[in-house]
C-alpha atoms as a PDB file:
ATOM      1  CA  MET A   1     -94.212 -28.003  51.357  1.00  0.00           C
ATOM      2  CA  ILE A   2     -90.593 -29.060  51.032  1.00  0.00           C
ATOM      3  CA  PHE A   3     -88.040 -26.388  50.121  1.00  0.00           C
ATOM      4  CA  SER A   4     -85.220 -27.140  47.715  1.00  0.00           C
ATOM      5  CA  ARG A   5     -83.218 -24.077  48.818  1.00  0.00           C
ATOM      6  CA  PRO A   6     -80.982 -24.931  51.811  1.00  0.00           C
ATOM      7  CA  ASP A   7     -81.262 -21.409  53.271  1.00  0.00           C
ATOM      8  CA  LEU A   8     -85.056 -21.568  53.343  1.00  0.00           C
ATOM      9  CA  HIS A   9     -85.017 -25.078  54.784  1.00  0.00           C
ATOM     10  CA  ALA A  10     -82.664 -23.924  57.563  1.00  0.00           C
ATOM     11  CA  ASP A  11     -84.893 -20.956  58.370  1.00  0.00           C
ATOM     12  CA  LEU A  12     -87.933 -23.230  58.459  1.00  0.00           C
ATOM     13  CA  VAL A  13     -86.159 -25.491  60.968  1.00  0.00           C
ATOM     14  CA  ARG A  14     -85.424 -22.413  63.085  1.00  0.00           C
ATOM     15  CA  LEU A  15     -89.084 -21.332  63.081  1.00  0.00           C
ATOM     16  CA  ARG A  16     -90.352 -24.808  63.915  1.00  0.00           C
ATOM     17  CA  SER A  17     -87.959 -25.174  66.839  1.00  0.00           C
ATOM     18  CA  SER A  18     -89.039 -21.870  68.420  1.00  0.00           C
ATOM     19  CA  ARG A  19     -90.897 -21.845  71.723  1.00  0.00           C
ATOM     20  CA  TYR A  20     -92.643 -18.622  70.678  1.00  0.00           C
ATOM     21  CA  ALA A  21     -96.084 -19.794  69.547  1.00  0.00           C
ATOM     22  CA  PRO A  22     -96.516 -17.475  66.522  1.00  0.00           C
ATOM     23  CA  ASP A  23     -93.085 -18.337  65.080  1.00  0.00           C
ATOM     24  CA  ARG A  24     -93.753 -22.018  65.568  1.00  0.00           C
ATOM     25  CA  ALA A  25     -97.149 -21.603  63.874  1.00  0.00           C
ATOM     26  CA  PHE A  26     -95.541 -19.853  60.879  1.00  0.00           C
ATOM     27  CA  GLY A  27     -93.068 -22.683  60.469  1.00  0.00           C
ATOM     28  CA  ASP A  28     -95.672 -25.391  60.947  1.00  0.00           C
ATOM     29  CA  ASN A  29     -97.919 -23.826  58.313  1.00  0.00           C
ATOM     30  CA  PHE A  30     -95.183 -24.171  55.699  1.00  0.00           C
ATOM     31  CA  GLU A  31     -94.292 -27.669  56.862  1.00  0.00           C
ATOM     32  CA  PHE A  32     -97.915 -28.893  56.794  1.00  0.00           C
ATOM     33  CA  GLU A  33     -98.908 -27.234  53.505  1.00  0.00           C
ATOM     34  CA  GLU A  34     -99.976 -29.857  50.942  1.00  0.00           C
ATOM     35  CA  ARG A  35    -101.796 -27.779  48.323  1.00  0.00           C
ATOM     36  CA  VAL A  36     -98.773 -25.832  47.034  1.00  0.00           C
ATOM     37  CA  GLY A  37     -97.547 -27.939  44.131  1.00  0.00           C
ATOM     38  CA  ASP A  38     -93.981 -28.191  42.861  1.00  0.00           C
ATOM     39  CA  ALA A  39     -94.512 -25.582  40.136  1.00  0.00           C
ATOM     40  CA  ARG A  40     -95.707 -22.914  42.540  1.00  0.00           C
ATOM     41  CA  ARG A  41     -93.090 -23.796  45.134  1.00  0.00           C
ATOM     42  CA  ASP A  42     -90.351 -23.450  42.514  1.00  0.00           C
ATOM     43  CA  ALA A  43     -91.739 -20.082  41.398  1.00  0.00           C
ATOM     44  CA  PHE A  44     -91.917 -18.960  45.036  1.00  0.00           C
ATOM     45  CA  GLU A  45     -88.303 -19.924  45.696  1.00  0.00           C
ATOM     46  CA  ALA A  46     -87.075 -18.255  42.511  1.00  0.00           C
ATOM     47  CA  ALA A  47     -88.929 -14.957  43.003  1.00  0.00           C
ATOM     48  CA  GLY A  48     -87.358 -11.803  44.382  1.00  0.00           C
ATOM     49  CA  VAL A  49     -83.925 -11.312  45.912  1.00  0.00           C
ATOM     50  CA  PRO A  50     -82.539 -14.327  47.770  1.00  0.00           C
ATOM     51  CA  VAL A  51     -83.014 -13.367  51.409  1.00  0.00           C
ATOM     52  CA  GLY A  52     -82.673 -16.608  53.361  1.00  0.00           C
ATOM     53  CA  SER A  53     -85.821 -15.774  55.316  1.00  0.00           C
ATOM     54  CA  VAL A  54     -89.040 -17.703  54.716  1.00  0.00           C
ATOM     55  CA  LEU A  55     -91.231 -14.906  56.039  1.00  0.00           C
ATOM     56  CA  ALA A  56     -89.436 -12.164  54.107  1.00  0.00           C
ATOM     57  CA  LEU A  57     -89.781 -14.125  50.882  1.00  0.00           C
ATOM     58  CA  GLN A  58     -93.420 -14.843  51.688  1.00  0.00           C
ATOM     59  CA  ALA A  59     -94.101 -11.131  52.162  1.00  0.00           C
ATOM     60  CA  ASP A  60     -92.454 -10.309  48.809  1.00  0.00           C
ATOM     61  CA  HIS A  61     -94.372 -13.095  47.088  1.00  0.00           C
ATOM     62  CA  PHE A  62     -97.681 -11.860  48.454  1.00  0.00           C
ATOM     63  CA  ARG A  63     -97.005  -8.238  47.541  1.00  0.00           C
ATOM     64  CA  MET A  64     -95.822  -8.930  43.984  1.00  0.00           C
ATOM     65  CA  HIS A  65     -97.565 -12.120  42.878  1.00  0.00           C
ATOM     66  CA  VAL A  66    -100.692 -12.504  45.019  1.00  0.00           C
ATOM     67  CA  GLN A  67    -101.927  -8.956  45.613  1.00  0.00           C
ATOM     68  CA  GLY A  68    -100.017  -7.156  42.888  1.00  0.00           C
ATOM     69  CA  ALA A  69     -99.854  -3.398  42.416  1.00  0.00           C
ATOM     70  CA  LEU A  70    -102.545  -2.825  39.783  1.00  0.00           C
ATOM     71  CA  HIS A  71    -106.302  -3.373  39.706  1.00  0.00           C
ATOM     72  CA  ASP A  72    -106.028  -5.604  36.640  1.00  0.00           C
ATOM     73  CA  HIS A  73    -103.462  -7.893  38.280  1.00  0.00           C
ATOM     74  CA  ILE A  74    -104.298 -11.616  38.120  1.00  0.00           C
ATOM     75  CA  PRO A  75    -103.243 -13.187  41.430  1.00  0.00           C
ATOM     76  CA  VAL A  76    -101.093 -16.285  41.041  1.00  0.00           C
ATOM     77  CA  THR A  77    -103.650 -17.854  43.405  1.00  0.00           C
ATOM     78  CA  PHE A  78    -106.111 -18.357  40.544  1.00  0.00           C
ATOM     79  CA  THR A  79    -103.685 -19.333  37.766  1.00  0.00           C
ATOM     80  CA  ALA A  80    -102.540 -22.689  36.386  1.00  0.00           C
ATOM     81  CA  VAL A  81     -99.330 -22.683  38.456  1.00  0.00           C
ATOM     82  CA  ASN A  82    -101.538 -22.997  41.545  1.00  0.00           C
ATOM     83  CA  HIS A  83    -103.414 -25.958  40.075  1.00  0.00           C
ATOM     84  CA  ASP A  84    -103.351 -28.046  43.260  1.00  0.00           C
ATOM     85  CA  ALA A  85    -105.215 -25.348  45.209  1.00  0.00           C
ATOM     86  CA  LEU A  86    -107.794 -24.263  42.616  1.00  0.00           C
ATOM     87  CA  TYR A  87    -111.373 -25.032  43.605  1.00  0.00           C
ATOM     88  CA  ALA A  88    -112.614 -26.925  40.566  1.00  0.00           C
ATOM     89  CA  PRO A  89    -116.260 -27.883  41.322  1.00  0.00           C
ATOM     90  CA  ASP A  90    -118.899 -25.342  40.373  1.00  0.00           C
ATOM     91  CA  ILE A  91    -120.682 -23.679  43.287  1.00  0.00           C
ATOM     92  CA  ASP A  92    -124.379 -22.813  43.154  1.00  0.00           C
ATOM     93  CA  GLY A  93    -124.454 -19.198  42.005  1.00  0.00           C
ATOM     94  CA  ASN A  94    -127.244 -18.338  44.456  1.00  0.00           C
ATOM     95  CA  GLN A  95    -125.296 -19.384  47.529  1.00  0.00           C
ATOM     96  CA  LYS A  96    -124.560 -16.468  49.827  1.00  0.00           C
ATOM     97  CA  ILE A  97    -121.043 -15.775  51.043  1.00  0.00           C
ATOM     98  CA  VAL A  98    -119.868 -13.408  53.757  1.00  0.00           C
ATOM     99  CA  ARG A  99    -116.708 -11.477  54.534  1.00  0.00           C
ATOM    100  CA  ILE A 100    -115.602  -9.206  57.374  1.00  0.00           C
ATOM    101  CA  GLU A 101    -113.944  -5.947  56.314  1.00  0.00           C
ATOM    102  CA  CYS A 102    -112.129  -3.587  58.690  1.00  0.00           C
ATOM    103  CA  LEU A 103    -113.450  -0.030  58.307  1.00  0.00           C
ATOM    104  CA  ASP A 104    -110.892   2.005  60.254  1.00  0.00           C
ATOM    105  CA  ASP A 105    -108.734   2.959  57.277  1.00  0.00           C
ATOM    106  CA  VAL A 106    -111.547   3.916  54.933  1.00  0.00           C
ATOM    107  CA  LEU A 107    -113.443   5.862  57.608  1.00  0.00           C
ATOM    108  CA  THR A 108    -110.328   7.939  58.220  1.00  0.00           C
ATOM    109  CA  LYS A 109    -109.917   8.596  54.491  1.00  0.00           C
ATOM    110  CA  ILE A 110    -113.484   9.862  54.057  1.00  0.00           C
ATOM    111  CA  GLY A 111    -113.449  11.820  57.334  1.00  0.00           C
ATOM    112  CA  ARG A 112    -116.301   9.875  58.902  1.00  0.00           C
ATOM    113  CA  SER A 113    -116.779   8.234  62.289  1.00  0.00           C
ATOM    114  CA  PHE A 114    -118.119   4.799  63.094  1.00  0.00           C
ATOM    115  CA  ALA A 115    -121.303   6.489  64.371  1.00  0.00           C
ATOM    116  CA  ASP A 116    -121.750   8.080  60.924  1.00  0.00           C
ATOM    117  CA  ILE A 117    -121.580   4.790  59.059  1.00  0.00           C
ATOM    118  CA  GLU A 118    -123.668   3.026  61.702  1.00  0.00           C
ATOM    119  CA  ASP A 119    -126.433   5.615  61.305  1.00  0.00           C
ATOM    120  CA  ALA A 120    -126.162   5.385  57.519  1.00  0.00           C
ATOM    121  CA  VAL A 121    -126.600   1.607  57.528  1.00  0.00           C
ATOM    122  CA  LYS A 122    -129.519   1.777  59.972  1.00  0.00           C
ATOM    123  CA  SER A 123    -131.273   4.460  57.930  1.00  0.00           C
ATOM    124  CA  GLY A 124    -131.415   2.293  54.820  1.00  0.00           C
ATOM    125  CA  HIS A 125    -131.559   4.122  51.487  1.00  0.00           C
ATOM    126  CA  ARG A 126    -131.172   7.514  53.185  1.00  0.00           C
ATOM    127  CA  GLY A 127    -127.634   6.522  54.106  1.00  0.00           C
ATOM    128  CA  ASP A 128    -126.626   5.100  50.733  1.00  0.00           C
ATOM    129  CA  ALA A 129    -124.544   8.157  49.832  1.00  0.00           C
ATOM    130  CA  ILE A 130    -122.257   7.699  52.841  1.00  0.00           C
ATOM    131  CA  VAL A 131    -121.954   3.958  52.229  1.00  0.00           C
ATOM    132  CA  ALA A 132    -121.140   4.611  48.564  1.00  0.00           C
ATOM    133  CA  GLN A 133    -118.452   7.092  49.621  1.00  0.00           C
ATOM    134  CA  LEU A 134    -116.902   4.410  51.792  1.00  0.00           C
ATOM    135  CA  LEU A 135    -117.057   1.781  49.042  1.00  0.00           C
ATOM    136  CA  ASP A 136    -115.392   4.192  46.619  1.00  0.00           C
ATOM    137  CA  GLN A 137    -112.306   4.123  48.824  1.00  0.00           C
ATOM    138  CA  TRP A 138    -112.111   0.331  48.603  1.00  0.00           C
ATOM    139  CA  ARG A 139    -112.293   0.568  44.821  1.00  0.00           C
ATOM    140  CA  LEU A 140    -109.184   2.740  44.908  1.00  0.00           C
ATOM    141  CA  TYR A 141    -107.117   0.152  46.759  1.00  0.00           C
ATOM    142  CA  PRO A 142    -104.235  -1.006  44.555  1.00  0.00           C
ATOM    143  CA  GLY A 143    -103.780  -4.584  43.514  1.00  0.00           C
ATOM    144  CA  ALA A 144    -106.213  -7.462  43.445  1.00  0.00           C
ATOM    145  CA  ARG A 145    -105.819  -9.197  46.797  1.00  0.00           C
ATOM    146  CA  PRO A 146    -107.856 -12.438  47.031  1.00  0.00           C
ATOM    147  CA  ALA A 147    -110.708 -12.316  49.539  1.00  0.00           C
ATOM    148  CA  PHE A 148    -111.131 -14.798  52.383  1.00  0.00           C
ATOM    149  CA  VAL A 149    -114.828 -15.704  52.686  1.00  0.00           C
ATOM    150  CA  ALA A 150    -117.213 -18.133  54.392  1.00  0.00           C
ATOM    151  CA  PHE A 151    -120.617 -19.472  53.414  1.00  0.00           C
ATOM    152  CA  LYS A 152    -123.441 -17.604  55.117  1.00  0.00           C
ATOM    153  CA  SER A 153    -125.378 -20.813  55.796  1.00  0.00           C
ATOM    154  CA  GLU A 154    -122.608 -21.944  58.170  1.00  0.00           C
ATOM    155  CA  VAL A 155    -122.577 -18.756  60.279  1.00  0.00           C
ATOM    156  CA  VAL A 156    -126.190 -17.587  60.014  1.00  0.00           C
ATOM    157  CA  THR A 157    -126.830 -18.169  63.741  1.00  0.00           C
ATOM    158  CA  ASP A 158    -123.776 -16.108  64.638  1.00  0.00           C
ATOM    159  CA  ILE A 159    -124.836 -13.268  62.342  1.00  0.00           C
ATOM    160  CA  GLY A 160    -128.166 -13.022  64.154  1.00  0.00           C
ATOM    161  CA  ALA A 161    -126.642 -12.874  67.640  1.00  0.00           C
ATOM    162  CA  PRO A 162    -126.143  -9.602  69.595  1.00  0.00           C
ATOM    163  CA  ASP A 163    -122.397 -10.297  69.749  1.00  0.00           C
ATOM    164  CA  TRP A 164    -122.259 -11.262  66.063  1.00  0.00           C
ATOM    165  CA  LEU A 165    -118.963  -9.515  65.350  1.00  0.00           C
ATOM    166  CA  LEU A 166    -117.012 -11.198  68.142  1.00  0.00           C
ATOM    167  CA  ARG A 167    -118.553 -14.544  67.187  1.00  0.00           C
ATOM    168  CA  LEU A 168    -117.539 -14.187  63.546  1.00  0.00           C
ATOM    169  CA  ARG A 169    -114.085 -12.969  64.479  1.00  0.00           C
ATOM    170  CA  ASN A 170    -113.589 -16.102  66.575  1.00  0.00           C
ATOM    171  CA  ARG A 171    -115.197 -18.610  64.203  1.00  0.00           C
ATOM    172  CA  MET A 172    -113.468 -17.247  61.100  1.00  0.00           C
ATOM    173  CA  GLY A 173    -110.042 -17.292  62.753  1.00  0.00           C
ATOM    174  CA  LEU A 174    -109.528 -13.522  62.556  1.00  0.00           C
ATOM    175  CA  GLY A 175    -107.217 -13.356  65.555  1.00  0.00           C
ATOM    176  CA  HIS A 176    -105.153 -10.570  64.003  1.00  0.00           C
ATOM    177  CA  TYR A 177    -108.053  -8.287  64.883  1.00  0.00           C
ATOM    178  CA  ASP A 178    -107.152  -7.785  68.527  1.00  0.00           C
ATOM    179  CA  PRO A 179    -107.652  -4.208  69.768  1.00  0.00           C
ATOM    180  CA  ALA A 180    -105.650  -3.077  72.780  1.00  0.00           C
ATOM    181  CA  ALA A 181    -107.314  -2.110  76.038  1.00  0.00           C
ATOM    182  CA  GLY A 182    -109.783   0.700  75.375  1.00  0.00           C
ATOM    183  CA  GLN A 183    -109.145   0.649  71.630  1.00  0.00           C
ATOM    184  CA  ARG A 184    -112.055   0.278  69.211  1.00  0.00           C
ATOM    185  CA  GLN A 185    -111.958  -1.265  65.732  1.00  0.00           C
ATOM    186  CA  ALA A 186    -114.835  -0.865  63.272  1.00  0.00           C
ATOM    187  CA  PHE A 187    -115.950  -3.572  60.855  1.00  0.00           C
ATOM    188  CA  ALA A 188    -118.545  -4.264  58.189  1.00  0.00           C
ATOM    189  CA  LEU A 189    -120.259  -7.518  57.344  1.00  0.00           C
ATOM    190  CA  MET A 190    -120.304  -7.900  53.573  1.00  0.00           C
ATOM    191  CA  GLU A 191    -122.783 -10.328  52.020  1.00  0.00           C
ATOM    192  CA  TYR A 192    -123.165 -11.245  48.355  1.00  0.00           C
ATOM    193  CA  LEU A 193    -123.788 -14.143  45.989  1.00  0.00           C
ATOM    194  CA  VAL A 194    -121.419 -16.611  44.394  1.00  0.00           C
ATOM    195  CA  LYS A 195    -122.680 -15.414  41.014  1.00  0.00           C
ATOM    196  CA  ASP A 196    -121.481 -11.894  41.857  1.00  0.00           C
ATOM    197  CA  VAL A 197    -117.969 -13.336  42.080  1.00  0.00           C
ATOM    198  CA  ILE A 198    -118.358 -15.386  38.909  1.00  0.00           C
ATOM    199  CA  ALA A 199    -119.488 -12.296  36.987  1.00  0.00           C
ATOM    200  CA  GLU A 200    -116.259 -10.503  37.889  1.00  0.00           C
ATOM    201  CA  TRP A 201    -114.126 -13.566  37.166  1.00  0.00           C
ATOM    202  CA  LEU A 202    -115.410 -14.263  33.628  1.00  0.00           C
ATOM    203  CA  PRO A 203    -113.541 -11.332  32.000  1.00  0.00           C
ATOM    204  CA  LEU A 204    -110.386 -12.524  33.783  1.00  0.00           C
ATOM    205  CA  GLU A 205    -110.611 -16.073  32.454  1.00  0.00           C
ATOM    206  CA  THR A 206    -109.122 -15.152  29.077  1.00  0.00           C
ATOM    207  CA  ARG A 207    -106.207 -13.499  30.899  1.00  0.00           C
ATOM    208  CA  GLY A 208    -105.232 -16.571  32.915  1.00  0.00           C
ATOM    209  CA  ALA A 209    -107.579 -16.732  35.896  1.00  0.00           C
ATOM    210  CA  LYS A 210    -108.517 -20.407  35.643  1.00  0.00           C
ATOM    211  CA  ARG A 211    -111.111 -20.460  38.428  1.00  0.00           C
ATOM    212  CA  PRO A 212    -112.901 -17.818  40.545  1.00  0.00           C
ATOM    213  CA  PHE A 213    -112.370 -19.721  43.818  1.00  0.00           C
ATOM    214  CA  ALA A 214    -109.344 -21.382  45.415  1.00  0.00           C
ATOM    215  CA  PHE A 215    -108.306 -23.048  48.637  1.00  0.00           C
ATOM    216  CA  PRO A 216    -106.172 -20.726  50.760  1.00  0.00           C
ATOM    217  CA  THR A 217    -102.575 -21.835  51.184  1.00  0.00           C
ATOM    218  CA  VAL A 218     -99.749 -20.678  53.403  1.00  0.00           C
ATOM    219  CA  LEU A 219     -98.629 -18.381  50.564  1.00  0.00           C
ATOM    220  CA  GLU A 220    -101.886 -16.407  50.877  1.00  0.00           C
ATOM    221  CA  SER A 221    -101.860 -16.366  54.683  1.00  0.00           C
ATOM    222  CA  ARG A 222     -99.604 -13.320  55.100  1.00  0.00           C
ATOM    223  CA  ALA A 223     -97.751 -15.089  57.933  1.00  0.00           C
ATOM    224  CA  SER A 224    -100.853 -15.359  60.107  1.00  0.00           C
ATOM    225  CA  PRO A 225    -100.470 -17.787  63.024  1.00  0.00           C
ATOM    226  CA  TYR A 226    -104.263 -18.157  62.945  1.00  0.00           C
ATOM    227  CA  PHE A 227    -104.225 -19.729  59.495  1.00  0.00           C
ATOM    228  CA  TYR A 228    -104.003 -23.529  59.332  1.00  0.00           C
ATOM    229  CA  PRO A 229    -103.498 -25.362  56.023  1.00  0.00           C
ATOM    230  CA  GLY A 230    -105.876 -28.199  55.256  1.00  0.00           C
ATOM    231  CA  PRO A 231    -104.796 -31.677  54.157  1.00  0.00           C
ATOM    232  CA  ARG A 232    -105.229 -32.316  50.449  1.00  0.00           C
ATOM    233  CA  ASP A 233    -107.557 -35.250  51.196  1.00  0.00           C
ATOM    234  CA  LEU A 234    -110.350 -33.006  52.495  1.00  0.00           C
ATOM    235  CA  PRO A 235    -112.738 -31.362  50.018  1.00  0.00           C
ATOM    236  CA  SER A 236    -112.562 -28.026  51.855  1.00  0.00           C
ATOM    237  CA  SER A 237    -110.304 -25.813  53.920  1.00  0.00           C
ATOM    238  CA  PHE A 238    -111.492 -24.836  57.387  1.00  0.00           C
ATOM    239  CA  ALA A 239    -111.036 -21.714  59.477  1.00  0.00           C
ATOM    240  CA  LEU A 240    -109.294 -22.037  62.835  1.00  0.00           C
ATOM    241  CA  ASP A 241    -111.887 -21.495  65.582  1.00  0.00           C
ATOM    242  CA  LEU A 242    -110.169 -19.325  68.181  1.00  0.00           C
ATOM    243  CA  THR A 243    -112.243 -20.216  71.225  1.00  0.00           C
ATOM    244  CA  ASP A 244    -114.736 -23.097  71.012  1.00  0.00           C
ATOM    245  CA  PRO A 245    -113.588 -26.655  70.281  1.00  0.00           C
ATOM    246  CA  ALA A 246    -117.169 -27.997  70.314  1.00  0.00           C
ATOM    247  CA  ARG A 247    -118.377 -26.041  67.293  1.00  0.00           C
ATOM    248  CA  ASN A 248    -118.212 -27.423  63.792  1.00  0.00           C
ATOM    249  CA  PRO A 249    -115.431 -25.645  61.867  1.00  0.00           C
ATOM    250  CA  ILE A 250    -116.567 -23.469  58.980  1.00  0.00           C
ATOM    251  CA  ARG A 251    -115.267 -23.734  55.423  1.00  0.00           C
ATOM    252  CA  GLU A 252    -113.065 -20.927  54.171  1.00  0.00           C
ATOM    253  CA  MET A 253    -112.260 -20.058  50.567  1.00  0.00           C
ATOM    254  CA  LEU A 254    -110.578 -17.396  48.483  1.00  0.00           C
ATOM    255  CA  HIS A 255    -112.109 -15.624  45.510  1.00  0.00           C
ATOM    256  CA  VAL A 256    -111.037 -13.036  42.959  1.00  0.00           C
ATOM    257  CA  ARG A 257    -111.455  -9.382  43.807  1.00  0.00           C
ATOM    258  CA  ILE A 258    -114.968  -8.014  43.375  1.00  0.00           C
ATOM    259  CA  THR A 259    -116.359  -4.502  43.326  1.00  0.00           C
ATOM    260  CA  TYR A 260    -118.678  -4.009  46.277  1.00  0.00           C
ATOM    261  CA  ARG A 261    -122.156  -2.540  45.821  1.00  0.00           C
ATOM    262  CA  VAL A 262    -124.102  -0.605  48.458  1.00  0.00           C
ATOM    263  CA  ASP A 263    -126.397  -3.577  49.055  1.00  0.00           C
ATOM    264  CA  HIS A 264    -123.421  -5.808  49.868  1.00  0.00           C
ATOM    265  CA  LEU A 265    -122.829  -3.976  53.183  1.00  0.00           C
ATOM    266  CA  VAL A 266    -125.453  -5.352  55.551  1.00  0.00           C
ATOM    267  CA  LYS A 267    -124.155  -4.719  59.059  1.00  0.00           C
ATOM    268  CA  VAL A 268    -121.484  -2.799  60.964  1.00  0.00           C
ATOM    269  CA  GLY A 269    -120.051  -3.210  64.432  1.00  0.00           C
ATOM    270  CA  GLU A 270    -117.077  -2.557  66.682  1.00  0.00           C
ATOM    271  CA  LEU A 271    -114.649  -4.712  68.603  1.00  0.00           C
ATOM    272  CA  VAL A 272    -113.566  -3.107  71.879  1.00  0.00           C
ATOM    273  CA  GLY A 273    -110.383  -4.236  73.615  1.00  0.00           C
ATOM    274  CA  LEU A 274    -109.353  -6.076  75.601  1.00  0.00           C
ATOM    275  CA  LEU A 275    -110.769  -9.219  74.063  1.00  0.00           C
ATOM    276  CA  PRO A 276    -110.504 -12.580  75.830  1.00  0.00           C
ATOM    277  CA  PRO A 277    -107.024 -13.981  75.164  1.00  0.00           C
ATOM    278  CA  VAL A 278    -106.535 -16.718  72.576  1.00  0.00           C
ATOM    279  CA  ARG A 279    -104.369 -19.670  73.567  1.00  0.00           C
ATOM    280  CA  LEU A 280    -102.845 -20.143  70.158  1.00  0.00           C
ATOM    281  CA  GLY A 281    -101.182 -23.508  70.703  1.00  0.00           C
ATOM    282  CA  ALA A 282    -104.282 -25.060  72.253  1.00  0.00           C
ATOM    283  CA  ALA A 283    -106.537 -23.660  69.517  1.00  0.00           C
ATOM    284  CA  ARG A 284    -104.275 -25.025  66.782  1.00  0.00           C
ATOM    285  CA  ASP A 285    -104.090 -28.435  68.455  1.00  0.00           C
ATOM    286  CA  ARG A 286    -107.894 -28.630  68.689  1.00  0.00           C
ATOM    287  CA  HIS A 287    -108.102 -27.757  65.006  1.00  0.00           C
ATOM    288  CA  LEU A 288    -105.493 -30.375  64.128  1.00  0.00           C
ATOM    289  CA  ASP A 289    -107.454 -33.040  66.005  1.00  0.00           C
ATOM    290  CA  ARG A 290    -110.533 -32.201  63.942  1.00  0.00           C
ATOM    291  CA  LEU A 291    -108.633 -32.244  60.645  1.00  0.00           C
ATOM    292  CA  ARG A 292    -107.093 -35.603  61.470  1.00  0.00           C
ATOM    293  CA  ARG A 293    -110.451 -37.069  62.449  1.00  0.00           C
ATOM    294  CA  ASP A 294    -112.350 -35.731  59.436  1.00  0.00           C
ATOM    295  CA  GLY A 295    -109.609 -36.585  56.969  1.00  0.00           C
ATOM    296  CA  GLY A 296    -108.627 -39.931  58.436  1.00  0.00           C
ATOM    297  CA  ARG A 297    -104.989 -38.802  58.478  1.00  0.00           C
ATOM    298  CA  VAL A 298    -103.350 -39.388  61.850  1.00  0.00           C
ATOM    299  CA  ASP A 299    -100.024 -38.550  60.203  1.00  0.00           C
ATOM    300  CA  PHE A 300    -101.074 -35.011  59.227  1.00  0.00           C
ATOM    301  CA  GLY A 301     -99.453 -32.145  61.124  1.00  0.00           C
ATOM    302  CA  ALA A 302     -98.054 -32.191  64.657  1.00  0.00           C
ATOM    303  CA  PRO A 303     -99.356 -30.803  67.981  1.00  0.00           C
ATOM    304  CA  MET A 304     -97.610 -27.814  69.487  1.00  0.00           C
ATOM    305  CA  SER A 305     -99.250 -26.605  72.709  1.00  0.00           C
ATOM    306  CA  SER A 306     -97.077 -28.641  75.063  1.00  0.00           C
ATOM    307  CA  ASP A 307     -93.801 -27.136  73.865  1.00  0.00           C
ATOM    308  CA  VAL A 308     -94.556 -23.482  73.172  1.00  0.00           C
ATOM    309  CA  ASP A 309     -94.963 -20.404  75.336  1.00  0.00           C
ATOM    310  CA  GLU A 310     -98.498 -19.098  74.855  1.00  0.00           C
END
């Protein structure tokens, strides 16, 4: 992604020359991004007040044009201006997809504890009222933020493991979930079908949502150092595995907002800090090696672990 604005280019150079691993990762993600076409880049540069800061402009872009403020907002992610990142092939409607949702905020809003929701999920239909109360809070969230998801078939072994939540956090690149020592964070595993997403997308098609699924780009990453853009040559984007270089990377996609049903919430769990530390530079370099090998592009990206402070 090449900026035409000199101030943004200068700020990108600053980020990419930093020895602080997250800043370097932010800069690299913009530099390596190949699925943001000229039309979306131009719209990104023109939006909002000129601030001279890549990350500030990214935050404004996400808030106004990706997430939006209203439930009926159509994220730019799924519109024609994002043509290069739209996922065009049809996906089997019966394929299962999974997403991890943090529960802390909604549990606070409904005055429930993690133990309450855990008991409700374990009790099956007897706990549906509590689960429905929780889902009602998600329906009230403003905007229409795209959802990062993975295919269940690629993480089914992890889901069945006793430490399923930590495994999914690591495999799906969710390093921003990192509770401090003694802190607990609650999460739900959401599971649903591709056709559930398509059903919610169809009414949006006439309003400009060209496809229900898209590749994530740096403009949807919310400045996460754990995101890594994929080269345009590959048919998928892949999540950054935080810990294990031997595992096959899992595909990651974005889809339009859906309304959760009670049966979509299949499992809950907690992460308890401290978690094992993530060596960001090393993890990103392992991921880069895999992308280069799978895509046949030795020129894609650049390693970083040797010249950053972890």
